[in-house]
Amino acid sequence: MNTPMNPYHEFLRIVYRMRAAQIKFFESKSASDLRLAKSLEKQVDEWLKRCGFEASQIKQMRLDLGKPN
């Protein structure tokens, strides 16, 4: 039986694939690895926009990773 994927599981899979592609690119410096990493980054950004995670909301949630909590 094939159950529908939880949207958050979909997001986590995209993030996992994105990080793996980024790591692969930094090791290889390959143009094709860079294209894949950028494509997955775009998918993550689009997912966040669809869910309404705008920069101001992220700041309010204290998820701005550049600053310690």
N, C-alpha and C. Protein backbone atom coordinates (compact mmCIF):
# COMPACT_ATOMS: atom_id res chain seq x y z
N MET A 1 0.85 -1.18 0.00
CA MET A 1 0.00 0.00 0.00
C MET A 1 0.89 1.24 0.00
N ASN A 2 0.58 2.18 -0.84
CA ASN A 2 1.36 3.41 -0.99
C ASN A 2 0.62 4.56 -0.32
N THR A 3 1.08 5.00 0.86
CA THR A 3 0.41 6.09 1.57
C THR A 3 0.97 7.43 1.11
N PRO A 4 0.15 8.46 1.13
CA PRO A 4 0.63 9.79 0.72
C PRO A 4 1.73 10.27 1.66
N MET A 5 2.68 10.99 1.09
CA MET A 5 3.81 11.50 1.87
C MET A 5 3.39 12.73 2.67
N ASN A 6 3.77 12.74 3.93
CA ASN A 6 3.57 13.90 4.78
C ASN A 6 4.37 15.06 4.17
N PRO A 7 3.78 16.25 4.05
CA PRO A 7 4.51 17.37 3.43
C PRO A 7 5.81 17.71 4.16
N TYR A 8 5.85 17.50 5.47
CA TYR A 8 7.08 17.79 6.20
C TYR A 8 8.15 16.76 5.91
N HIS A 9 7.75 15.53 5.66
CA HIS A 9 8.71 14.51 5.26
C HIS A 9 9.29 14.87 3.89
N GLU A 10 8.43 15.38 3.01
CA GLU A 10 8.89 15.83 1.69
C GLU A 10 9.95 16.93 1.86
N PHE A 11 9.65 17.88 2.73
CA PHE A 11 10.59 18.97 2.96
C PHE A 11 11.92 18.46 3.51
N LEU A 12 11.86 17.58 4.49
CA LEU A 12 13.09 17.03 5.06
C LEU A 12 13.90 16.26 4.03
N ARG A 13 13.22 15.56 3.15
CA ARG A 13 13.94 14.84 2.08
C ARG A 13 14.64 15.81 1.13
N ILE A 14 13.96 16.90 0.79
CA ILE A 14 14.57 17.90 -0.08
C ILE A 14 15.79 18.52 0.60
N VAL A 15 15.64 18.87 1.89
CA VAL A 15 16.76 19.47 2.63
C VAL A 15 17.92 18.49 2.71
N TYR A 16 17.63 17.23 2.99
CA TYR A 16 18.69 16.21 3.07
C TYR A 16 19.42 16.10 1.74
N ARG A 17 18.65 16.03 0.64
CA ARG A 17 19.27 15.94 -0.69
C ARG A 17 20.07 17.20 -1.02
N MET A 18 19.54 18.37 -0.61
CA MET A 18 20.24 19.63 -0.86
C MET A 18 21.59 19.64 -0.16
N ARG A 19 21.61 19.27 1.12
CA ARG A 19 22.87 19.27 1.88
C ARG A 19 23.86 18.27 1.29
N ALA A 20 23.38 17.11 0.88
CA ALA A 20 24.27 16.12 0.26
C ALA A 20 24.85 16.68 -1.04
N ALA A 21 24.02 17.37 -1.82
CA ALA A 21 24.49 17.95 -3.08
C ALA A 21 25.49 19.08 -2.82
N GLN A 22 25.25 19.88 -1.79
CA GLN A 22 26.19 20.95 -1.45
C GLN A 22 27.54 20.37 -1.03
N ILE A 23 27.51 19.37 -0.19
CA ILE A 23 28.75 18.73 0.26
C ILE A 23 29.50 18.14 -0.93
N LYS A 24 28.77 17.47 -1.81
CA LYS A 24 29.39 16.88 -3.00
C LYS A 24 30.03 17.96 -3.87
N PHE A 25 29.31 19.09 -4.05
CA PHE A 25 29.88 20.18 -4.85
C PHE A 25 31.16 20.71 -4.24
N PHE A 26 31.16 20.95 -2.92
CA PHE A 26 32.35 21.51 -2.29
C PHE A 26 33.54 20.56 -2.37
N GLU A 27 33.26 19.27 -2.48
CA GLU A 27 34.35 18.31 -2.65
C GLU A 27 34.82 18.25 -4.10
N SER A 28 33.89 18.34 -5.04
CA SER A 28 34.23 18.11 -6.45
C SER A 28 34.46 19.39 -7.25
N LYS A 29 33.80 20.49 -6.86
CA LYS A 29 33.80 21.76 -7.61
C LYS A 29 33.28 21.57 -9.04
N SER A 30 32.46 20.56 -9.22
CA SER A 30 31.90 20.23 -10.53
C SER A 30 30.72 21.15 -10.86
N ALA A 31 30.64 21.59 -12.10
CA ALA A 31 29.54 22.46 -12.53
C ALA A 31 28.20 21.73 -12.42
N SER A 32 28.17 20.44 -12.72
CA SER A 32 26.91 19.69 -12.64
C SER A 32 26.47 19.53 -11.17
N ASP A 33 27.43 19.35 -10.27
CA ASP A 33 27.09 19.26 -8.85
C ASP A 33 26.57 20.60 -8.34
N LEU A 34 27.13 21.70 -8.83
CA LEU A 34 26.66 23.03 -8.44
C LEU A 34 25.24 23.25 -8.94
N ARG A 35 24.95 22.87 -10.18
CA ARG A 35 23.60 23.03 -10.73
C ARG A 35 22.58 22.26 -9.89
N LEU A 36 22.93 21.03 -9.51
CA LEU A 36 22.01 20.22 -8.70
C LEU A 36 21.79 20.88 -7.34
N ALA A 37 22.85 21.33 -6.69
CA ALA A 37 22.72 21.98 -5.38
C ALA A 37 21.84 23.22 -5.47
N LYS A 38 22.05 24.03 -6.50
CA LYS A 38 21.25 25.24 -6.67
C LYS A 38 19.79 24.91 -6.94
N SER A 39 19.55 23.87 -7.72
CA SER A 39 18.19 23.45 -8.02
C SER A 39 17.47 23.02 -6.75
N LEU A 40 18.15 22.26 -5.91
CA LEU A 40 17.55 21.81 -4.66
C LEU A 40 17.36 22.98 -3.69
N GLU A 41 18.30 23.93 -3.66
CA GLU A 41 18.15 25.12 -2.83
C GLU A 41 16.89 25.89 -3.26
N LYS A 42 16.67 25.97 -4.55
CA LYS A 42 15.49 26.67 -5.06
C LYS A 42 14.21 25.95 -4.62
N GLN A 43 14.24 24.61 -4.64
CA GLN A 43 13.07 23.85 -4.18
C GLN A 43 12.79 24.11 -2.69
N VAL A 44 13.83 24.18 -1.88
CA VAL A 44 13.67 24.47 -0.46
C VAL A 44 13.07 25.86 -0.29
N ASP A 45 13.62 26.85 -1.01
CA ASP A 45 13.10 28.22 -0.92
C ASP A 45 11.63 28.28 -1.34
N GLU A 46 11.28 27.59 -2.41
CA GLU A 46 9.89 27.59 -2.88
C GLU A 46 8.97 26.93 -1.86
N TRP A 47 9.43 25.85 -1.26
CA TRP A 47 8.63 25.17 -0.23
C TRP A 47 8.38 26.11 0.93
N LEU A 48 9.41 26.81 1.38
CA LEU A 48 9.26 27.75 2.50
C LEU A 48 8.28 28.87 2.14
N LYS A 49 8.37 29.37 0.92
CA LYS A 49 7.43 30.43 0.50
C LYS A 49 6.00 29.92 0.48
N ARG A 50 5.80 28.69 -0.04
CA ARG A 50 4.45 28.12 -0.08
C ARG A 50 3.88 27.98 1.33
N CYS A 51 4.73 27.73 2.29
CA CYS A 51 4.27 27.55 3.68
C CYS A 51 4.19 28.86 4.44
N GLY A 52 4.56 29.95 3.80
CA GLY A 52 4.44 31.26 4.42
C GLY A 52 5.58 31.64 5.33
N PHE A 53 6.72 31.02 5.18
CA PHE A 53 7.86 31.36 6.02
C PHE A 53 8.64 32.50 5.39
N GLU A 54 8.19 33.70 5.66
CA GLU A 54 8.88 34.89 5.18
C GLU A 54 9.94 35.28 6.21
N ALA A 55 10.86 36.13 5.82
CA ALA A 55 11.99 36.51 6.68
C ALA A 55 11.53 37.07 8.02
N SER A 56 10.49 37.89 8.03
CA SER A 56 10.04 38.48 9.30
C SER A 56 9.50 37.41 10.23
N GLN A 57 8.81 36.40 9.68
CA GLN A 57 8.29 35.33 10.52
C GLN A 57 9.42 34.48 11.08
N ILE A 58 10.43 34.23 10.27
CA ILE A 58 11.57 33.44 10.73
C ILE A 58 12.26 34.18 11.87
N LYS A 59 12.40 35.50 11.73
CA LYS A 59 13.03 36.29 12.79
C LYS A 59 12.20 36.21 14.06
N GLN A 60 10.89 36.31 13.93
CA GLN A 60 10.01 36.23 15.09
C GLN A 60 10.12 34.87 15.77
N MET A 61 10.37 33.83 15.01
CA MET A 61 10.50 32.49 15.55
C MET A 61 11.89 32.24 16.12
N ARG A 62 12.76 33.23 15.99
CA ARG A 62 14.15 33.16 16.47
C ARG A 62 14.91 32.04 15.77
N LEU A 63 14.63 31.87 14.49
CA LEU A 63 15.33 30.87 13.70
C LEU A 63 16.41 31.50 12.82
N ASP A 64 16.69 32.78 13.03
CA ASP A 64 17.74 33.43 12.26
C ASP A 64 19.08 32.89 12.78
N LEU A 65 19.67 32.01 12.01
CA LEU A 65 20.82 31.24 12.44
C LEU A 65 22.09 32.06 12.56
N GLY A 66 22.09 33.26 12.04
CA GLY A 66 23.29 34.08 12.11
C GLY A 66 23.56 34.63 13.50
N LYS A 67 22.57 34.61 14.35
CA LYS A 67 22.70 35.20 15.69
C LYS A 67 22.39 34.15 16.75
N PRO A 68 23.15 34.11 17.82
CA PRO A 68 22.82 33.17 18.89
C PRO A 68 21.55 33.59 19.61
N ASN A 69 20.81 32.64 20.15
CA ASN A 69 19.56 32.93 20.88
C ASN A 69 19.84 33.57 22.19
